[in-house]
Amino acid sequence: MTIALEHHTPQAFVDLYAADPAEPAWPPAAAGHDMDHLLPPPNPAERLSILIDPRDQHRLALHAALTAAGIPPRPEDRDAIDQLSALPPGINTTLQRWLHHTTSR
């Protein structure tokens, strides 16, 4: 398959995320100004008081545990993760412990 773009030569594969080498990756910094500013630490008083549903907490924790174990969830895994997230907290903790154990080996 050949794709021809207006400003490029025909290529067999077009990488949509490739940077154009003619364009600079970052704009030049202003002369005399230090542009590196660290963010201030979070202020606990400014945190939002929104509670996350336990099922959503389990879902997020399971996604993190799977990703850390080298098993990034796929879109088709959503139903299975939803079902596992609905299980009692003890079972969810056990699943996470098992996945953590596989990464620590």
N, C-alpha and C. Protein backbone atom coordinates (compact mmCIF):
# COMPACT_ATOMS: atom_id res chain seq x y z
N MET A 1 0.84 -1.17 0.00
CA MET A 1 0.00 0.00 0.00
C MET A 1 0.88 1.23 0.00
N THR A 2 0.63 2.15 -0.89
CA THR A 2 1.41 3.38 -0.98
C THR A 2 0.50 4.55 -0.66
N ILE A 3 0.97 5.41 0.22
CA ILE A 3 0.21 6.58 0.60
C ILE A 3 1.00 7.80 0.15
N ALA A 4 0.40 8.66 -0.63
CA ALA A 4 1.07 9.87 -1.09
C ALA A 4 0.40 11.06 -0.41
N LEU A 5 1.17 11.83 0.30
CA LEU A 5 0.67 13.05 0.93
C LEU A 5 1.14 14.24 0.10
N GLU A 6 0.46 15.34 0.22
CA GLU A 6 0.76 16.50 -0.61
C GLU A 6 2.20 16.98 -0.48
N HIS A 7 2.74 17.01 0.70
CA HIS A 7 4.06 17.58 0.91
C HIS A 7 5.13 16.51 1.18
N HIS A 8 4.81 15.27 1.04
CA HIS A 8 5.76 14.20 1.26
C HIS A 8 5.87 13.34 0.00
N THR A 9 6.93 12.62 -0.06
CA THR A 9 7.08 11.68 -1.16
C THR A 9 6.28 10.43 -0.84
N PRO A 10 5.88 9.65 -1.82
CA PRO A 10 5.13 8.40 -1.55
C PRO A 10 5.96 7.45 -0.70
N GLN A 11 5.33 6.90 0.30
CA GLN A 11 6.00 5.97 1.19
C GLN A 11 5.11 4.77 1.42
N ALA A 12 5.72 3.65 1.77
CA ALA A 12 4.95 2.45 2.06
C ALA A 12 4.29 2.54 3.42
N PHE A 13 4.85 3.34 4.34
CA PHE A 13 4.32 3.47 5.69
C PHE A 13 4.48 4.90 6.14
N VAL A 14 3.44 5.46 6.71
CA VAL A 14 3.50 6.82 7.21
C VAL A 14 3.34 6.77 8.71
N ASP A 15 4.33 7.25 9.43
CA ASP A 15 4.27 7.30 10.89
C ASP A 15 3.65 8.63 11.28
N LEU A 16 2.42 8.60 11.76
CA LEU A 16 1.71 9.82 12.09
C LEU A 16 2.30 10.54 13.30
N TYR A 17 3.10 9.83 14.10
CA TYR A 17 3.66 10.42 15.30
C TYR A 17 5.11 10.85 15.12
N ALA A 18 5.65 10.66 13.94
CA ALA A 18 7.04 11.03 13.70
C ALA A 18 7.13 12.55 13.61
N ALA A 19 8.19 13.08 14.18
CA ALA A 19 8.41 14.52 14.14
C ALA A 19 9.07 14.88 12.82
N ASP A 20 8.72 16.03 12.30
CA ASP A 20 9.34 16.53 11.08
C ASP A 20 10.71 17.08 11.46
N PRO A 21 11.80 16.53 10.92
CA PRO A 21 13.14 16.98 11.32
C PRO A 21 13.40 18.43 10.97
N ALA A 22 12.64 19.01 10.04
CA ALA A 22 12.86 20.41 9.69
C ALA A 22 12.30 21.36 10.75
N GLU A 23 11.36 20.89 11.55
CA GLU A 23 10.77 21.73 12.57
C GLU A 23 11.45 21.47 13.91
N PRO A 24 11.74 22.51 14.69
CA PRO A 24 12.33 22.28 16.01
C PRO A 24 11.31 21.63 16.94
N ALA A 25 11.80 20.74 17.79
CA ALA A 25 10.90 20.03 18.70
C ALA A 25 10.33 20.96 19.77
N TRP A 26 11.13 21.90 20.25
CA TRP A 26 10.71 22.84 21.29
C TRP A 26 11.02 24.25 20.82
N PRO A 27 10.17 25.18 21.15
CA PRO A 27 10.51 26.56 20.79
C PRO A 27 11.72 27.02 21.61
N PRO A 28 12.53 27.91 21.07
CA PRO A 28 13.70 28.37 21.83
C PRO A 28 13.28 29.14 23.07
N ALA A 29 14.04 28.97 24.14
CA ALA A 29 13.75 29.67 25.40
C ALA A 29 14.14 31.14 25.26
N ALA A 30 13.40 31.98 25.97
CA ALA A 30 13.71 33.41 25.96
C ALA A 30 15.07 33.64 26.60
N ALA A 31 15.85 34.52 26.02
CA ALA A 31 17.19 34.78 26.51
C ALA A 31 17.13 35.42 27.90
N GLY A 32 17.95 34.91 28.79
CA GLY A 32 18.05 35.49 30.12
C GLY A 32 16.99 35.04 31.11
N HIS A 33 16.07 34.20 30.70
CA HIS A 33 15.02 33.75 31.62
C HIS A 33 15.19 32.25 31.88
N ASP A 34 15.16 31.90 33.14
CA ASP A 34 15.20 30.49 33.50
C ASP A 34 13.79 29.95 33.39
N MET A 35 13.55 29.10 32.40
CA MET A 35 12.21 28.60 32.13
C MET A 35 11.86 27.35 32.92
N ASP A 36 12.78 26.87 33.75
CA ASP A 36 12.55 25.64 34.49
C ASP A 36 11.98 25.98 35.86
N HIS A 37 10.68 25.79 36.03
CA HIS A 37 10.03 26.08 37.31
C HIS A 37 9.43 24.79 37.85
N LEU A 38 9.73 24.47 39.07
CA LEU A 38 9.13 23.30 39.70
C LEU A 38 7.74 23.65 40.20
N LEU A 39 6.87 22.68 40.13
CA LEU A 39 5.52 22.88 40.65
C LEU A 39 5.57 22.84 42.17
N PRO A 40 4.74 23.64 42.82
CA PRO A 40 4.71 23.60 44.28
C PRO A 40 4.09 22.28 44.74
N PRO A 41 4.43 21.84 45.96
CA PRO A 41 3.81 20.61 46.45
C PRO A 41 2.30 20.82 46.62
N PRO A 42 1.53 19.74 46.52
CA PRO A 42 0.08 19.89 46.64
C PRO A 42 -0.32 20.35 48.04
N ASN A 43 -1.35 21.15 48.09
CA ASN A 43 -1.87 21.67 49.35
C ASN A 43 -3.06 20.80 49.73
N PRO A 44 -2.97 20.03 50.83
CA PRO A 44 -4.09 19.16 51.21
C PRO A 44 -5.40 19.90 51.40
N ALA A 45 -5.35 21.16 51.79
CA ALA A 45 -6.58 21.92 52.00
C ALA A 45 -7.31 22.20 50.69
N GLU A 46 -6.59 22.15 49.55
CA GLU A 46 -7.19 22.44 48.26
C GLU A 46 -7.67 21.18 47.53
N ARG A 47 -7.53 20.04 48.14
CA ARG A 47 -7.97 18.80 47.48
C ARG A 47 -9.48 18.75 47.39
N LEU A 48 -9.96 18.14 46.35
CA LEU A 48 -11.39 17.98 46.17
C LEU A 48 -11.90 16.90 47.12
N SER A 49 -13.06 17.11 47.66
CA SER A 49 -13.62 16.14 48.60
C SER A 49 -14.59 15.21 47.88
N ILE A 50 -14.12 14.61 46.81
CA ILE A 50 -14.95 13.69 46.04
C ILE A 50 -14.52 12.27 46.40
N LEU A 51 -15.49 11.49 46.81
CA LEU A 51 -15.20 10.10 47.13
C LEU A 51 -15.36 9.25 45.87
N ILE A 52 -14.44 8.32 45.70
CA ILE A 52 -14.51 7.40 44.57
C ILE A 52 -15.21 6.14 45.04
N ASP A 53 -16.14 5.69 44.23
CA ASP A 53 -16.87 4.46 44.54
C ASP A 53 -15.87 3.31 44.71
N PRO A 54 -16.06 2.43 45.70
CA PRO A 54 -15.13 1.32 45.90
C PRO A 54 -14.92 0.47 44.64
N ARG A 55 -15.97 0.28 43.86
CA ARG A 55 -15.82 -0.51 42.64
C ARG A 55 -14.86 0.18 41.67
N ASP A 56 -14.95 1.53 41.57
CA ASP A 56 -14.03 2.28 40.72
C ASP A 56 -12.60 2.23 41.27
N GLN A 57 -12.47 2.27 42.60
CA GLN A 57 -11.14 2.13 43.21
C GLN A 57 -10.54 0.78 42.88
N HIS A 58 -11.35 -0.27 42.96
CA HIS A 58 -10.87 -1.62 42.62
C HIS A 58 -10.46 -1.69 41.15
N ARG A 59 -11.26 -1.07 40.28
CA ARG A 59 -10.97 -1.08 38.85
C ARG A 59 -9.63 -0.39 38.58
N LEU A 60 -9.42 0.79 39.18
CA LEU A 60 -8.16 1.51 38.99
C LEU A 60 -6.98 0.72 39.53
N ALA A 61 -7.16 0.13 40.71
CA ALA A 61 -6.07 -0.65 41.32
C ALA A 61 -5.76 -1.89 40.49
N LEU A 62 -6.78 -2.52 39.93
CA LEU A 62 -6.56 -3.70 39.10
C LEU A 62 -5.86 -3.32 37.80
N HIS A 63 -6.25 -2.21 37.19
CA HIS A 63 -5.55 -1.73 35.99
C HIS A 63 -4.08 -1.48 36.30
N ALA A 64 -3.80 -0.83 37.43
CA ALA A 64 -2.42 -0.53 37.81
C ALA A 64 -1.63 -1.81 38.06
N ALA A 65 -2.24 -2.76 38.76
CA ALA A 65 -1.55 -4.02 39.07
C ALA A 65 -1.27 -4.82 37.80
N LEU A 66 -2.23 -4.86 36.89
CA LEU A 66 -2.02 -5.58 35.63
C LEU A 66 -0.91 -4.92 34.81
N THR A 67 -0.92 -3.61 34.73
CA THR A 67 0.09 -2.89 33.97
C THR A 67 1.47 -3.08 34.59
N ALA A 68 1.56 -3.01 35.92
CA ALA A 68 2.84 -3.22 36.60
C ALA A 68 3.35 -4.64 36.41
N ALA A 69 2.44 -5.59 36.24
CA ALA A 69 2.83 -6.99 36.02
C ALA A 69 3.21 -7.26 34.57
N GLY A 70 3.14 -6.22 33.73
CA GLY A 70 3.49 -6.39 32.33
C GLY A 70 2.34 -6.91 31.48
N ILE A 71 1.12 -6.77 31.99
CA ILE A 71 -0.07 -7.23 31.27
C ILE A 71 -1.01 -6.03 31.10
N PRO A 72 -0.68 -5.12 30.19
CA PRO A 72 -1.55 -3.96 30.05
C PRO A 72 -2.93 -4.37 29.55
N PRO A 73 -3.98 -3.93 30.22
CA PRO A 73 -5.33 -4.31 29.82
C PRO A 73 -5.66 -3.81 28.41
N ARG A 74 -6.34 -4.63 27.67
CA ARG A 74 -6.79 -4.27 26.33
C ARG A 74 -8.24 -3.82 26.41
N PRO A 75 -8.72 -3.12 25.39
CA PRO A 75 -10.13 -2.69 25.42
C PRO A 75 -11.10 -3.85 25.56
N GLU A 76 -10.78 -4.99 24.98
CA GLU A 76 -11.70 -6.13 25.08
C GLU A 76 -11.68 -6.78 26.47
N ASP A 77 -10.76 -6.36 27.35
CA ASP A 77 -10.70 -6.88 28.71
C ASP A 77 -11.61 -6.12 29.66
N ARG A 78 -12.28 -5.10 29.17
CA ARG A 78 -13.06 -4.23 30.04
C ARG A 78 -14.15 -4.98 30.80
N ASP A 79 -14.87 -5.88 30.12
CA ASP A 79 -15.94 -6.63 30.80
C ASP A 79 -15.38 -7.48 31.94
N ALA A 80 -14.26 -8.15 31.69
CA ALA A 80 -13.66 -8.99 32.73
C ALA A 80 -13.20 -8.13 33.91
N ILE A 81 -12.61 -6.99 33.62
CA ILE A 81 -12.15 -6.11 34.71
C ILE A 81 -13.34 -5.56 35.48
N ASP A 82 -14.42 -5.22 34.79
CA ASP A 82 -15.63 -4.75 35.47
C ASP A 82 -16.18 -5.82 36.42
N GLN A 83 -16.21 -7.07 35.96
CA GLN A 83 -16.70 -8.17 36.80
C GLN A 83 -15.79 -8.39 38.00
N LEU A 84 -14.47 -8.37 37.77
CA LEU A 84 -13.53 -8.56 38.87
C LEU A 84 -13.60 -7.40 39.87
N SER A 85 -13.86 -6.20 39.38
CA SER A 85 -13.95 -5.04 40.26
C SER A 85 -15.18 -5.08 41.15
N ALA A 86 -16.20 -5.84 40.74
CA ALA A 86 -17.42 -5.94 41.53
C ALA A 86 -17.31 -6.97 42.66
N LEU A 87 -16.24 -7.76 42.65
CA LEU A 87 -16.06 -8.76 43.70
C LEU A 87 -15.74 -8.09 45.03
N PRO A 88 -15.91 -8.78 46.14
CA PRO A 88 -15.63 -8.19 47.45
C PRO A 88 -14.18 -7.69 47.55
N PRO A 89 -13.94 -6.71 48.43
CA PRO A 89 -12.61 -6.11 48.56
C PRO A 89 -11.51 -7.13 48.86
N GLY A 90 -11.80 -8.16 49.64
CA GLY A 90 -10.78 -9.15 49.97
C GLY A 90 -10.29 -9.91 48.75
N ILE A 91 -11.20 -10.23 47.85
CA ILE A 91 -10.82 -10.94 46.63
C ILE A 91 -10.00 -10.03 45.72
N ASN A 92 -10.41 -8.75 45.64
CA ASN A 92 -9.66 -7.80 44.83
C ASN A 92 -8.24 -7.63 45.37
N THR A 93 -8.10 -7.57 46.68
CA THR A 93 -6.78 -7.45 47.30
C THR A 93 -5.93 -8.68 47.01
N THR A 94 -6.54 -9.85 47.03
CA THR A 94 -5.82 -11.09 46.72
C THR A 94 -5.34 -11.10 45.28
N LEU A 95 -6.20 -10.69 44.35
CA LEU A 95 -5.80 -10.61 42.94
C LEU A 95 -4.60 -9.68 42.76
N GLN A 96 -4.66 -8.54 43.41
CA GLN A 96 -3.55 -7.58 43.31
C GLN A 96 -2.28 -8.15 43.92
N ARG A 97 -2.41 -8.86 45.04
CA ARG A 97 -1.24 -9.47 45.67
C ARG A 97 -0.61 -10.50 44.75
N TRP A 98 -1.44 -11.30 44.09
CA TRP A 98 -0.92 -12.31 43.15
C TRP A 98 -0.19 -11.63 42.00
N LEU A 99 -0.79 -10.57 41.46
CA LEU A 99 -0.13 -9.87 40.36
C LEU A 99 1.16 -9.20 40.82
N HIS A 100 1.15 -8.65 42.01
CA HIS A 100 2.37 -8.03 42.55
C HIS A 100 3.46 -9.09 42.74
N HIS A 101 3.06 -10.27 43.17
CA HIS A 101 4.01 -11.35 43.40
C HIS A 101 4.69 -11.77 42.08
N THR A 102 3.94 -11.72 40.98
CA THR A 102 4.53 -12.10 39.69
C THR A 102 5.56 -11.09 39.23
N THR A 103 5.42 -9.81 39.62
CA THR A 103 6.38 -8.79 39.21
C THR A 103 7.60 -8.77 40.10
N SER A 104 7.49 -9.26 41.32
CA SER A 104 8.62 -9.20 42.25
C SER A 104 9.57 -10.37 42.07
N ARG A 105 9.27 -11.30 41.20
CA ARG A 105 10.14 -12.46 40.98
C ARG A 105 11.30 -12.11 40.13
